[in-house]
Structures are given as C-alpha cells and as structure tokens.
C-alpha cells in the first residue's frame, strides 16, 4: 500500500513540476486551430455556447485534459480487467462442475 502511494505521489510530481519549470510556454491544441480556420471560412460564425470556466493557462488546460484521459483509460482498463477476471472465474466454475458430474 505504501509503495502504491509513493508511486502515485511520484507520478503527480512528474505531472506538476514541468508546469513550473517552463513558465510562459504555449501548448496549442486542435481546438484553437479549428476556431481560427472556422473564422477564416465564415467570419460571421457565432459559437453555440461558451465555456463555463476558462483555465488560467494552456498548461493547466493540458494538465486537466491529460488527467481526464488518464482517469478514463484507468476506468476502461479496470472494467476490461474485471470483466476478463469474471469470465475466467465463471469458466473455472463450469470446468469444476463438469468434472464433478463425470
């Protein structure tokens, strides 16, 4: 348990430390490029809605996006592993039942 907490702390530090080391760095994304392209194609285009909250910098936005991706992939990995383990347990139970009836 302590080992897992230590590893989690290291991962968090590895994600946060670069944000302080590279002050003023700009990390652009596809959203900004798409917005510029739409503006070039149709200058009268109005977005359907606006953001509820705007992150203070592009780095924080990238961090939040990466965190969202990590949580999502962790959930999917857990679900796939749980389903696979459940199927293996069910197969073992079937094999034991079939062996007992022979």
PDB file of N, CA and C in Angstrom:
ATOM      1  N   UNK A   1       0.833  -1.183   0.000  1.00  0.00           N
ATOM      2  CA  UNK A   1       0.000   0.000   0.000  1.00  0.00           C
ATOM      3  C   UNK A   1       0.885   1.257   0.000  1.00  0.00           C
ATOM      4  N   UNK A   2       1.918   1.273   0.834  1.00  0.00           N
ATOM      5  CA  UNK A   2       2.814   2.431   0.889  1.00  0.00           C
ATOM      6  C   UNK A   2       3.539   2.616  -0.441  1.00  0.00           C
ATOM      7  N   UNK A   3       3.889   1.490  -1.058  1.00  0.00           N
ATOM      8  CA  UNK A   3       4.595   1.544  -2.336  1.00  0.00           C
ATOM      9  C   UNK A   3       3.701   2.191  -3.407  1.00  0.00           C
ATOM     10  N   UNK A   4       2.421   1.819  -3.418  1.00  0.00           N
ATOM     11  CA  UNK A   4       1.488   2.392  -4.391  1.00  0.00           C
ATOM     12  C   UNK A   4       1.302   3.890  -4.166  1.00  0.00           C
ATOM     13  N   UNK A   5       1.193   4.314  -2.918  1.00  0.00           N
ATOM     14  CA  UNK A   5       1.043   5.736  -2.612  1.00  0.00           C
ATOM     15  C   UNK A   5       2.292   6.519  -3.012  1.00  0.00           C
ATOM     16  N   UNK A   6       3.457   5.926  -2.780  1.00  0.00           N
ATOM     17  CA  UNK A   6       4.708   6.563  -3.185  1.00  0.00           C
ATOM     18  C   UNK A   6       4.765   6.723  -4.705  1.00  0.00           C
ATOM     19  N   UNK A   7       4.405   5.672  -5.429  1.00  0.00           N
ATOM     20  CA  UNK A   7       4.405   5.746  -6.891  1.00  0.00           C
ATOM     21  C   UNK A   7       3.392   6.776  -7.392  1.00  0.00           C
ATOM     22  N   UNK A   8       2.235   6.841  -6.777  1.00  0.00           N
ATOM     23  CA  UNK A   8       1.227   7.825  -7.152  1.00  0.00           C
ATOM     24  C   UNK A   8       1.738   9.244  -6.914  1.00  0.00           C
ATOM     25  N   UNK A   9       2.396   9.459  -5.790  1.00  0.00           N
ATOM     26  CA  UNK A   9       2.980  10.765  -5.492  1.00  0.00           C
ATOM     27  C   UNK A   9       4.034  11.157  -6.509  1.00  0.00           C
ATOM     28  N   UNK A  10       4.863  10.221  -6.924  1.00  0.00           N
ATOM     29  CA  UNK A  10       5.893  10.493  -7.923  1.00  0.00           C
ATOM     30  C   UNK A  10       5.253  10.859  -9.262  1.00  0.00           C
ATOM     31  N   UNK A  11       4.206  10.142  -9.648  1.00  0.00           N
ATOM     32  CA  UNK A  11       3.521  10.438 -10.907  1.00  0.00           C
ATOM     33  C   UNK A  11       2.918  11.842 -10.874  1.00  0.00           C
ATOM     34  N   UNK A  12       2.318  12.202  -9.759  1.00  0.00           N
ATOM     35  CA  UNK A  12       1.726  13.532  -9.623  1.00  0.00           C
ATOM     36  C   UNK A  12       2.813  14.600  -9.715  1.00  0.00           C
ATOM     37  N   UNK A  13       3.932  14.380  -9.047  1.00  0.00           N
ATOM     38  CA  UNK A  13       5.037  15.340  -9.123  1.00  0.00           C
ATOM     39  C   UNK A  13       5.577  15.463 -10.552  1.00  0.00           C
ATOM     40  N   UNK A  14       5.678  14.345 -11.249  1.00  0.00           N
ATOM     41  CA  UNK A  14       6.160  14.376 -12.625  1.00  0.00           C
ATOM     42  C   UNK A  14       5.202  15.148 -13.532  1.00  0.00           C
ATOM     43  N   UNK A  15       3.936  15.171 -13.192  1.00  0.00           N
ATOM     44  CA  UNK A  15       2.960  15.913 -13.997  1.00  0.00           C
ATOM     45  C   UNK A  15       2.966  17.399 -13.658  1.00  0.00           C
ATOM     46  N   UNK A  16       3.240  17.748 -12.412  1.00  0.00           N
ATOM     47  CA  UNK A  16       3.120  19.136 -11.973  1.00  0.00           C
ATOM     48  C   UNK A  16       4.427  19.922 -12.132  1.00  0.00           C
ATOM     49  N   UNK A  17       5.560  19.321 -11.860  1.00  0.00           N
ATOM     50  CA  UNK A  17       6.848  20.028 -11.881  1.00  0.00           C
ATOM     51  C   UNK A  17       7.124  20.710 -13.223  1.00  0.00           C
ATOM     52  N   UNK A  18       6.884  20.066 -14.368  1.00  0.00           N
ATOM     53  CA  UNK A  18       7.157  20.751 -15.640  1.00  0.00           C
ATOM     54  C   UNK A  18       6.340  22.037 -15.830  1.00  0.00           C
ATOM     55  N   UNK A  19       5.189  22.123 -15.204  1.00  0.00           N
ATOM     56  CA  UNK A  19       4.376  23.333 -15.332  1.00  0.00           C
ATOM     57  C   UNK A  19       5.080  24.541 -14.729  1.00  0.00           C
ATOM     58  N   UNK A  20       5.854  24.318 -13.689  1.00  0.00           N
ATOM     59  CA  UNK A  20       6.575  25.415 -13.044  1.00  0.00           C
ATOM     60  C   UNK A  20       7.934  25.673 -13.693  1.00  0.00           C
ATOM     61  N   UNK A  21       8.491  24.673 -14.354  1.00  0.00           N
ATOM     62  CA  UNK A  21       9.798  24.819 -14.970  1.00  0.00           C
ATOM     63  C   UNK A  21       9.723  25.571 -16.300  1.00  0.00           C
ATOM     64  N   UNK A  22       8.655  25.440 -17.036  1.00  0.00           N
ATOM     65  CA  UNK A  22       8.521  26.044 -18.358  1.00  0.00           C
ATOM     66  C   UNK A  22       7.504  27.180 -18.336  1.00  0.00           C
ATOM     67  N   UNK A  23       7.764  28.197 -17.550  1.00  0.00           N
ATOM     68  CA  UNK A  23       6.838  29.327 -17.478  1.00  0.00           C
ATOM     69  C   UNK A  23       6.813  30.056 -18.811  1.00  0.00           C
ATOM     70  N   UNK A  24       5.623  30.453 -19.222  1.00  0.00           N
ATOM     71  CA  UNK A  24       5.461  31.191 -20.467  1.00  0.00           C
ATOM     72  C   UNK A  24       5.391  30.320 -21.700  1.00  0.00           C
ATOM     73  N   UNK A  25       5.462  28.988 -21.545  1.00  0.00           N
ATOM     74  CA  UNK A  25       5.385  28.101 -22.703  1.00  0.00           C
ATOM     75  C   UNK A  25       3.937  28.023 -23.185  1.00  0.00           C
ATOM     76  N   UNK A  26       3.775  27.934 -24.476  1.00  0.00           N
ATOM     77  CA  UNK A  26       2.444  27.832 -25.061  1.00  0.00           C
ATOM     78  C   UNK A  26       2.279  26.453 -25.675  1.00  0.00           C
ATOM     79  N   UNK A  27       1.236  25.777 -25.280  1.00  0.00           N
ATOM     80  CA  UNK A  27       0.905  24.479 -25.852  1.00  0.00           C
ATOM     81  C   UNK A  27      -0.450  24.623 -26.528  1.00  0.00           C
ATOM     82  N   UNK A  28      -0.443  24.820 -27.839  1.00  0.00           N
ATOM     83  CA  UNK A  28      -1.691  24.988 -28.579  1.00  0.00           C
ATOM     84  C   UNK A  28      -2.302  23.643 -28.901  1.00  0.00           C
ATOM     85  N   UNK A  29      -3.595  23.662 -29.104  1.00  0.00           N
ATOM     86  CA  UNK A  29      -4.291  22.422 -29.416  1.00  0.00           C
ATOM     87  C   UNK A  29      -5.100  22.553 -30.690  1.00  0.00           C
ATOM     88  N   UNK A  30      -5.756  21.479 -31.036  1.00  0.00           N
ATOM     89  CA  UNK A  30      -6.564  21.445 -32.248  1.00  0.00           C
ATOM     90  C   UNK A  30      -7.781  22.350 -32.134  1.00  0.00           C
ATOM     91  N   UNK A  31      -8.290  22.574 -30.931  1.00  0.00           N
ATOM     92  CA  UNK A  31      -9.459  23.435 -30.762  1.00  0.00           C
ATOM     93  C   UNK A  31      -9.174  24.853 -31.242  1.00  0.00           C
ATOM     94  N   UNK A  32      -8.037  25.393 -30.841  1.00  0.00           N
ATOM     95  CA  UNK A  32      -7.668  26.743 -31.255  1.00  0.00           C
ATOM     96  C   UNK A  32      -7.466  26.839 -32.755  1.00  0.00           C
ATOM     97  N   UNK A  33      -6.841  25.828 -33.331  1.00  0.00           N
ATOM     98  CA  UNK A  33      -6.622  25.819 -34.781  1.00  0.00           C
ATOM     99  C   UNK A  33      -7.945  25.727 -35.527  1.00  0.00           C
ATOM    100  N   UNK A  34      -8.869  24.903 -35.017  1.00  0.00           N
ATOM    101  CA  UNK A  34     -10.183  24.766 -35.650  1.00  0.00           C
ATOM    102  C   UNK A  34     -10.951  26.083 -35.573  1.00  0.00           C
ATOM    103  N   UNK A  35     -10.860  26.758 -34.440  1.00  0.00           N
ATOM    104  CA  UNK A  35     -11.539  28.045 -34.280  1.00  0.00           C
ATOM    105  C   UNK A  35     -11.015  29.076 -35.281  1.00  0.00           C
ATOM    106  N   UNK A  36      -9.708  29.113 -35.466  1.00  0.00           N
ATOM    107  CA  UNK A  36      -9.121  30.036 -36.434  1.00  0.00           C
ATOM    108  C   UNK A  36      -9.577  29.713 -37.857  1.00  0.00           C
ATOM    109  N   UNK A  37      -9.595  28.430 -38.196  1.00  0.00           N
ATOM    110  CA  UNK A  37      -9.988  28.011 -39.537  1.00  0.00           C
ATOM    111  C   UNK A  37     -11.460  28.341 -39.805  1.00  0.00           C
ATOM    112  N   UNK A  38     -12.318  28.110 -38.828  1.00  0.00           N
ATOM    113  CA  UNK A  38     -13.741  28.446 -38.981  1.00  0.00           C
ATOM    114  C   UNK A  38     -13.903  29.949 -39.170  1.00  0.00           C
ATOM    115  N   UNK A  39     -13.125  30.736 -38.425  1.00  0.00           N
ATOM    116  CA  UNK A  39     -13.171  32.185 -38.582  1.00  0.00           C
ATOM    117  C   UNK A  39     -12.757  32.631 -39.975  1.00  0.00           C
ATOM    118  N   UNK A  40     -11.784  31.927 -40.581  1.00  0.00           N
ATOM    119  CA  UNK A  40     -11.362  32.249 -41.940  1.00  0.00           C
ATOM    120  C   UNK A  40     -12.438  31.878 -42.960  1.00  0.00           C
ATOM    121  N   UNK A  41     -13.078  30.732 -42.750  1.00  0.00           N
ATOM    122  CA  UNK A  41     -14.089  30.258 -43.694  1.00  0.00           C
ATOM    123  C   UNK A  41     -15.363  31.106 -43.610  1.00  0.00           C
ATOM    124  N   UNK A  42     -15.822  31.355 -42.385  1.00  0.00           N
ATOM    125  CA  UNK A  42     -17.071  32.099 -42.183  1.00  0.00           C
ATOM    126  C   UNK A  42     -16.857  33.098 -41.056  1.00  0.00           C
ATOM    127  N   UNK A  43     -16.590  34.331 -41.412  1.00  0.00           N
ATOM    128  CA  UNK A  43     -16.266  35.345 -40.397  1.00  0.00           C
ATOM    129  C   UNK A  43     -17.463  35.735 -39.541  1.00  0.00           C
ATOM    130  N   UNK A  44     -18.694  35.416 -39.958  1.00  0.00           N
ATOM    131  CA  UNK A  44     -19.879  35.771 -39.175  1.00  0.00           C
ATOM    132  C   UNK A  44     -20.333  34.628 -38.253  1.00  0.00           C
ATOM    133  N   UNK A  45     -19.549  33.546 -38.182  1.00  0.00           N
ATOM    134  CA  UNK A  45     -19.937  32.400 -37.348  1.00  0.00           C
ATOM    135  C   UNK A  45     -19.946  32.773 -35.875  1.00  0.00           C
ATOM    136  N   UNK A  46     -20.996  32.384 -35.176  1.00  0.00           N
ATOM    137  CA  UNK A  46     -21.118  32.592 -33.736  1.00  0.00           C
ATOM    138  C   UNK A  46     -21.146  31.229 -33.044  1.00  0.00           C
ATOM    139  N   UNK A  47     -20.298  30.992 -32.052  1.00  0.00           N
ATOM    140  CA  UNK A  47     -20.342  29.704 -31.327  1.00  0.00           C
ATOM    141  C   UNK A  47     -21.704  29.500 -30.657  1.00  0.00           C
ATOM    142  N   UNK A  48     -22.093  28.262 -30.490  1.00  0.00           N
ATOM    143  CA  UNK A  48     -23.382  27.930 -29.890  1.00  0.00           C
ATOM    144  C   UNK A  48     -23.399  28.202 -28.401  1.00  0.00           C
ATOM    145  N   UNK A  49     -22.259  28.037 -27.761  1.00  0.00           N
ATOM    146  CA  UNK A  49     -22.171  28.251 -26.313  1.00  0.00           C
ATOM    147  C   UNK A  49     -20.750  28.667 -25.961  1.00  0.00           C
ATOM    148  N   UNK A  50     -20.568  29.112 -24.740  1.00  0.00           N
ATOM    149  CA  UNK A  50     -19.232  29.498 -24.287  1.00  0.00           C
ATOM    150  C   UNK A  50     -18.852  28.655 -23.072  1.00  0.00           C
ATOM    151  N   UNK A  51     -17.567  28.675 -22.736  1.00  0.00           N
ATOM    152  CA  UNK A  51     -17.074  27.888 -21.603  1.00  0.00           C
ATOM    153  C   UNK A  51     -17.652  28.414 -20.295  1.00  0.00           C
ATOM    154  N   UNK A  52     -17.899  27.479 -19.374  1.00  0.00           N
ATOM    155  CA  UNK A  52     -18.337  27.869 -18.032  1.00  0.00           C
ATOM    156  C   UNK A  52     -17.148  28.420 -17.258  1.00  0.00           C
ATOM    157  N   UNK A  53     -15.995  27.759 -17.430  1.00  0.00           N
ATOM    158  CA  UNK A  53     -14.768  28.173 -16.730  1.00  0.00           C
ATOM    159  C   UNK A  53     -13.607  28.035 -17.693  1.00  0.00           C
ATOM    160  N   UNK A  54     -12.779  29.032 -17.753  1.00  0.00           N
ATOM    161  CA  UNK A  54     -11.596  29.017 -18.605  1.00  0.00           C
ATOM    162  C   UNK A  54     -10.363  28.806 -17.727  1.00  0.00           C
ATOM    163  N   UNK A  55      -9.573  27.742 -17.970  1.00  0.00           N
ATOM    164  CA  UNK A  55      -8.359  27.540 -17.178  1.00  0.00           C
ATOM    165  C   UNK A  55      -7.426  28.744 -17.302  1.00  0.00           C
ATOM    166  N   UNK A  56      -6.642  29.034 -16.254  1.00  0.00           N
ATOM    167  CA  UNK A  56      -5.785  30.218 -16.266  1.00  0.00           C
ATOM    168  C   UNK A  56      -4.682  30.191 -17.319  1.00  0.00           C
ATOM    169  N   UNK A  57      -4.288  29.007 -17.789  1.00  0.00           N
ATOM    170  CA  UNK A  57      -3.240  28.938 -18.809  1.00  0.00           C
ATOM    171  C   UNK A  57      -3.417  27.676 -19.640  1.00  0.00           C
ATOM    172  N   UNK A  58      -2.720  27.651 -20.761  1.00  0.00           N
ATOM    173  CA  UNK A  58      -2.763  26.483 -21.629  1.00  0.00           C
ATOM    174  C   UNK A  58      -2.167  25.249 -20.976  1.00  0.00           C
ATOM    175  N   UNK A  59      -1.182  25.457 -20.096  1.00  0.00           N
ATOM    176  CA  UNK A  59      -0.559  24.328 -19.412  1.00  0.00           C
ATOM    177  C   UNK A  59      -1.551  23.641 -18.474  1.00  0.00           C
ATOM    178  N   UNK A  60      -2.320  24.453 -17.756  1.00  0.00           N
ATOM    179  CA  UNK A  60      -3.318  23.885 -16.846  1.00  0.00           C
ATOM    180  C   UNK A  60      -4.391  23.154 -17.650  1.00  0.00           C
ATOM    181  N   UNK A  61      -4.769  23.730 -18.779  1.00  0.00           N
ATOM    182  CA  UNK A  61      -5.755  23.085 -19.644  1.00  0.00           C
ATOM    183  C   UNK A  61      -5.224  21.737 -20.135  1.00  0.00           C
ATOM    184  N   UNK A  62      -3.952  21.698 -20.522  1.00  0.00           N
ATOM    185  CA  UNK A  62      -3.339  20.441 -20.958  1.00  0.00           C
ATOM    186  C   UNK A  62      -3.275  19.434 -19.821  1.00  0.00           C
ATOM    187  N   UNK A  63      -2.934  19.911 -18.623  1.00  0.00           N
ATOM    188  CA  UNK A  63      -2.879  19.034 -17.463  1.00  0.00           C
ATOM    189  C   UNK A  63      -4.247  18.428 -17.183  1.00  0.00           C
ATOM    190  N   UNK A  64      -5.274  19.251 -17.230  1.00  0.00           N
ATOM    191  CA  UNK A  64      -6.628  18.751 -16.971  1.00  0.00           C
ATOM    192  C   UNK A  64      -7.067  17.761 -18.047  1.00  0.00           C
ATOM    193  N   UNK A  65      -6.695  18.026 -19.285  1.00  0.00           N
ATOM    194  CA  UNK A  65      -7.023  17.107 -20.369  1.00  0.00           C
ATOM    195  C   UNK A  65      -6.310  15.767 -20.167  1.00  0.00           C
ATOM    196  N   UNK A  66      -5.038  15.817 -19.814  1.00  0.00           N
ATOM    197  CA  UNK A  66      -4.279  14.590 -19.583  1.00  0.00           C
ATOM    198  C   UNK A  66      -4.834  13.826 -18.384  1.00  0.00           C
ATOM    199  N   UNK A  67      -5.225  14.550 -17.343  1.00  0.00           N
ATOM    200  CA  UNK A  67      -5.823  13.908 -16.168  1.00  0.00           C
ATOM    201  C   UNK A  67      -7.133  13.229 -16.541  1.00  0.00           C
ATOM    202  N   UNK A  68      -7.945  13.900 -17.346  1.00  0.00           N
ATOM    203  CA  UNK A  68      -9.201  13.318 -17.798  1.00  0.00           C
ATOM    204  C   UNK A  68      -8.931  12.046 -18.614  1.00  0.00           C
ATOM    205  N   UNK A  69      -7.943  12.090 -19.491  1.00  0.00           N
ATOM    206  CA  UNK A  69      -7.599  10.917 -20.295  1.00  0.00           C
ATOM    207  C   UNK A  69      -7.089   9.778 -19.416  1.00  0.00           C
ATOM    208  N   UNK A  70      -6.287  10.099 -18.403  1.00  0.00           N
ATOM    209  CA  UNK A  70      -5.760   9.065 -17.505  1.00  0.00           C
ATOM    210  C   UNK A  70      -6.870   8.419 -16.699  1.00  0.00           C
ATOM    211  N   UNK A  71      -7.790   9.215 -16.192  1.00  0.00           N
ATOM    212  CA  UNK A  71      -8.914   8.665 -15.420  1.00  0.00           C
ATOM    213  C   UNK A  71      -9.781   7.785 -16.323  1.00  0.00           C
ATOM    214  N   UNK A  72     -10.045   8.254 -17.522  1.00  0.00           N
ATOM    215  CA  UNK A  72     -10.858   7.472 -18.454  1.00  0.00           C
ATOM    216  C   UNK A  72     -10.199   6.164 -18.837  1.00  0.00           C
ATOM    217  N   UNK A  73      -8.907   6.209 -19.143  1.00  0.00           N
ATOM    218  CA  UNK A  73      -8.213   4.972 -19.507  1.00  0.00           C
ATOM    219  C   UNK A  73      -8.076   4.038 -18.311  1.00  0.00           C
ATOM    220  N   UNK A  74      -7.919   4.597 -17.120  1.00  0.00           N
ATOM    221  CA  UNK A  74      -7.880   3.761 -15.923  1.00  0.00           C
ATOM    222  C   UNK A  74      -9.210   3.058 -15.698  1.00  0.00           C
ATOM    223  N   UNK A  75     -10.299   3.771 -15.898  1.00  0.00           N
ATOM    224  CA  UNK A  75     -11.620   3.173 -15.741  1.00  0.00           C
ATOM    225  C   UNK A  75     -11.844   2.074 -16.769  1.00  0.00           C
ATOM    226  N   UNK A  76     -11.484   2.352 -18.025  1.00  0.00           N
ATOM    227  CA  UNK A  76     -11.663   1.339 -19.078  1.00  0.00           C
ATOM    228  C   UNK A  76     -10.790   0.122 -18.797  1.00  0.00           C
ATOM    229  N   UNK A  77      -9.535   0.347 -18.400  1.00  0.00           N
ATOM    230  CA  UNK A  77      -8.644  -0.771 -18.075  1.00  0.00           C
ATOM    231  C   UNK A  77      -9.161  -1.598 -16.914  1.00  0.00           C
ATOM    232  N   UNK A  78      -9.675  -0.932 -15.889  1.00  0.00           N
ATOM    233  CA  UNK A  78     -10.230  -1.646 -14.747  1.00  0.00           C
ATOM    234  C   UNK A  78     -11.435  -2.468 -15.181  1.00  0.00           C
ATOM    235  N   UNK A  79     -12.325  -1.885 -15.971  1.00  0.00           N
ATOM    236  CA  UNK A  79     -13.526  -2.586 -16.405  1.00  0.00           C
ATOM    237  C   UNK A  79     -13.184  -3.798 -17.261  1.00  0.00           C
ATOM    238  N   UNK A  80     -12.233  -3.631 -18.197  1.00  0.00           N
ATOM    239  CA  UNK A  80     -11.820  -4.749 -19.048  1.00  0.00           C
ATOM    240  C   UNK A  80     -11.195  -5.857 -18.195  1.00  0.00           C
ATOM    241  N   UNK A  81     -10.329  -5.477 -17.249  1.00  0.00           N
ATOM    242  CA  UNK A  81      -9.714  -6.480 -16.369  1.00  0.00           C
ATOM    243  C   UNK A  81     -10.724  -7.179 -15.494  1.00  0.00           C
ATOM    244  N   UNK A  82     -11.677  -6.435 -14.964  1.00  0.00           N
ATOM    245  CA  UNK A  82     -12.718  -7.021 -14.111  1.00  0.00           C
ATOM    246  C   UNK A  82     -13.569  -7.994 -14.914  1.00  0.00           C
ATOM    247  N   UNK A  83     -13.943  -7.614 -16.128  1.00  0.00           N
ATOM    248  CA  UNK A  83     -14.756  -8.480 -16.975  1.00  0.00           C
ATOM    249  C   UNK A  83     -13.988  -9.742 -17.343  1.00  0.00           C
ATOM    250  N   UNK A  84     -12.728  -9.581 -17.660  1.00  0.00           N
ATOM    251  CA  UNK A  84     -11.915 -10.749 -18.017  1.00  0.00           C
ATOM    252  C   UNK A  84     -11.753 -11.692 -16.823  1.00  0.00           C
ATOM    253  N   UNK A  85     -11.506 -11.127 -15.646  1.00  0.00           N
ATOM    254  CA  UNK A  85     -11.385 -11.957 -14.445  1.00  0.00           C
ATOM    255  C   UNK A  85     -12.690 -12.660 -14.113  1.00  0.00           C
ATOM    256  N   UNK A  86     -13.789 -11.981 -14.308  1.00  0.00           N
ATOM    257  CA  UNK A  86     -15.102 -12.580 -14.052  1.00  0.00           C
ATOM    258  C   UNK A  86     -15.350 -13.742 -15.004  1.00  0.00           C
ATOM    259  N   UNK A  87     -14.981 -13.559 -16.276  1.00  0.00           N
ATOM    260  CA  UNK A  87     -15.163 -14.633 -17.251  1.00  0.00           C
ATOM    261  C   UNK A  87     -14.270 -15.828 -16.936  1.00  0.00           C
ATOM    262  N   UNK A  88     -13.060 -15.579 -16.507  1.00  0.00           N
ATOM    263  CA  UNK A  88     -12.160 -16.691 -16.150  1.00  0.00           C
ATOM    264  C   UNK A  88     -12.696 -17.456 -14.948  1.00  0.00           C
ATOM    265  N   UNK A  89     -13.217 -16.733 -13.964  1.00  0.00           N
ATOM    266  CA  UNK A  89     -13.782 -17.380 -12.780  1.00  0.00           C
ATOM    267  C   UNK A  89     -14.988 -18.221 -13.169  1.00  0.00           C
ATOM    268  N   UNK A  90     -15.826 -17.709 -14.039  1.00  0.00           N
ATOM    269  CA  UNK A  90     -17.005 -18.445 -14.491  1.00  0.00           C
ATOM    270  C   UNK A  90     -16.588 -19.694 -15.251  1.00  0.00           C
ATOM    271  N   UNK A  91     -15.561 -19.601 -16.103  1.00  0.00           N
ATOM    272  CA  UNK A  91     -15.081 -20.765 -16.849  1.00  0.00           C
ATOM    273  C   UNK A  91     -14.515 -21.830 -15.908  1.00  0.00           C
ATOM    274  N   UNK A  92     -13.781 -21.416 -14.873  1.00  0.00           N
ATOM    275  CA  UNK A  92     -13.221 -22.371 -13.912  1.00  0.00           C
ATOM    276  C   UNK A  92     -14.342 -23.079 -13.156  1.00  0.00           C
ATOM    277  N   UNK A  93     -15.378 -22.322 -12.770  1.00  0.00           N
ATOM    278  CA  UNK A  93     -16.510 -22.926 -12.069  1.00  0.00           C
ATOM    279  C   UNK A  93     -17.224 -23.940 -12.957  1.00  0.00           C
ATOM    280  N   UNK A  94     -17.369 -23.634 -14.251  1.00  0.00           N
ATOM    281  CA  UNK A  94     -18.010 -24.561 -15.186  1.00  0.00           C
ATOM    282  C   UNK A  94     -17.178 -25.822 -15.342  1.00  0.00           C
ATOM    283  N   UNK A  95     -15.858 -25.656 -15.438  1.00  0.00           N
ATOM    284  CA  UNK A  95     -14.966 -26.811 -15.586  1.00  0.00           C
ATOM    285  C   UNK A  95     -15.025 -27.699 -14.347  1.00  0.00           C
ATOM    286  N   UNK A  96     -15.074 -27.108 -13.154  1.00  0.00           N
ATOM    287  CA  UNK A  96     -15.181 -27.889 -11.917  1.00  0.00           C
ATOM    288  C   UNK A  96     -16.495 -28.631 -11.855  1.00  0.00           C
ATOM    289  N   UNK A  97     -17.577 -27.979 -12.274  1.00  0.00           N
ATOM    290  CA  UNK A  97     -18.895 -28.616 -12.257  1.00  0.00           C
ATOM    291  C   UNK A  97     -18.940 -29.762 -13.255  1.00  0.00           C
ATOM    292  N   UNK A  98     -18.383 -29.555 -14.451  1.00  0.00           N
ATOM    293  CA  UNK A  98     -18.361 -30.613 -15.456  1.00  0.00           C
ATOM    294  C   UNK A  98     -17.503 -31.800 -14.998  1.00  0.00           C
ATOM    295  N   UNK A  99     -16.399 -31.539 -14.341  1.00  0.00           N
ATOM    296  CA  UNK A  99     -15.518 -32.602 -13.844  1.00  0.00           C
ATOM    297  C   UNK A  99     -16.198 -33.390 -12.726  1.00  0.00           C
ATOM    298  N   UNK A 100     -16.979 -32.729 -11.906  1.00  0.00           N
ATOM    299  CA  UNK A 100     -17.666 -33.398 -10.798  1.00  0.00           C
ATOM    300  C   UNK A 100     -18.787 -34.308 -11.296  1.00  0.00           C
ATOM    301  N   UNK A 101     -19.399 -33.987 -12.412  1.00  0.00           N
ATOM    302  CA  UNK A 101     -20.503 -34.768 -12.954  1.00  0.00           C
ATOM    303  C   UNK A 101     -20.048 -35.946 -13.791  1.00  0.00           C
ATOM    304  N   UNK A 102     -18.789 -36.037 -14.087  1.00  0.00           N
ATOM    305  CA  UNK A 102     -18.287 -37.155 -14.921  1.00  0.00           C
ATOM    306  C   UNK A 102     -18.090 -38.360 -14.138  1.00  0.00           C
TER     307      UNK A 102
END
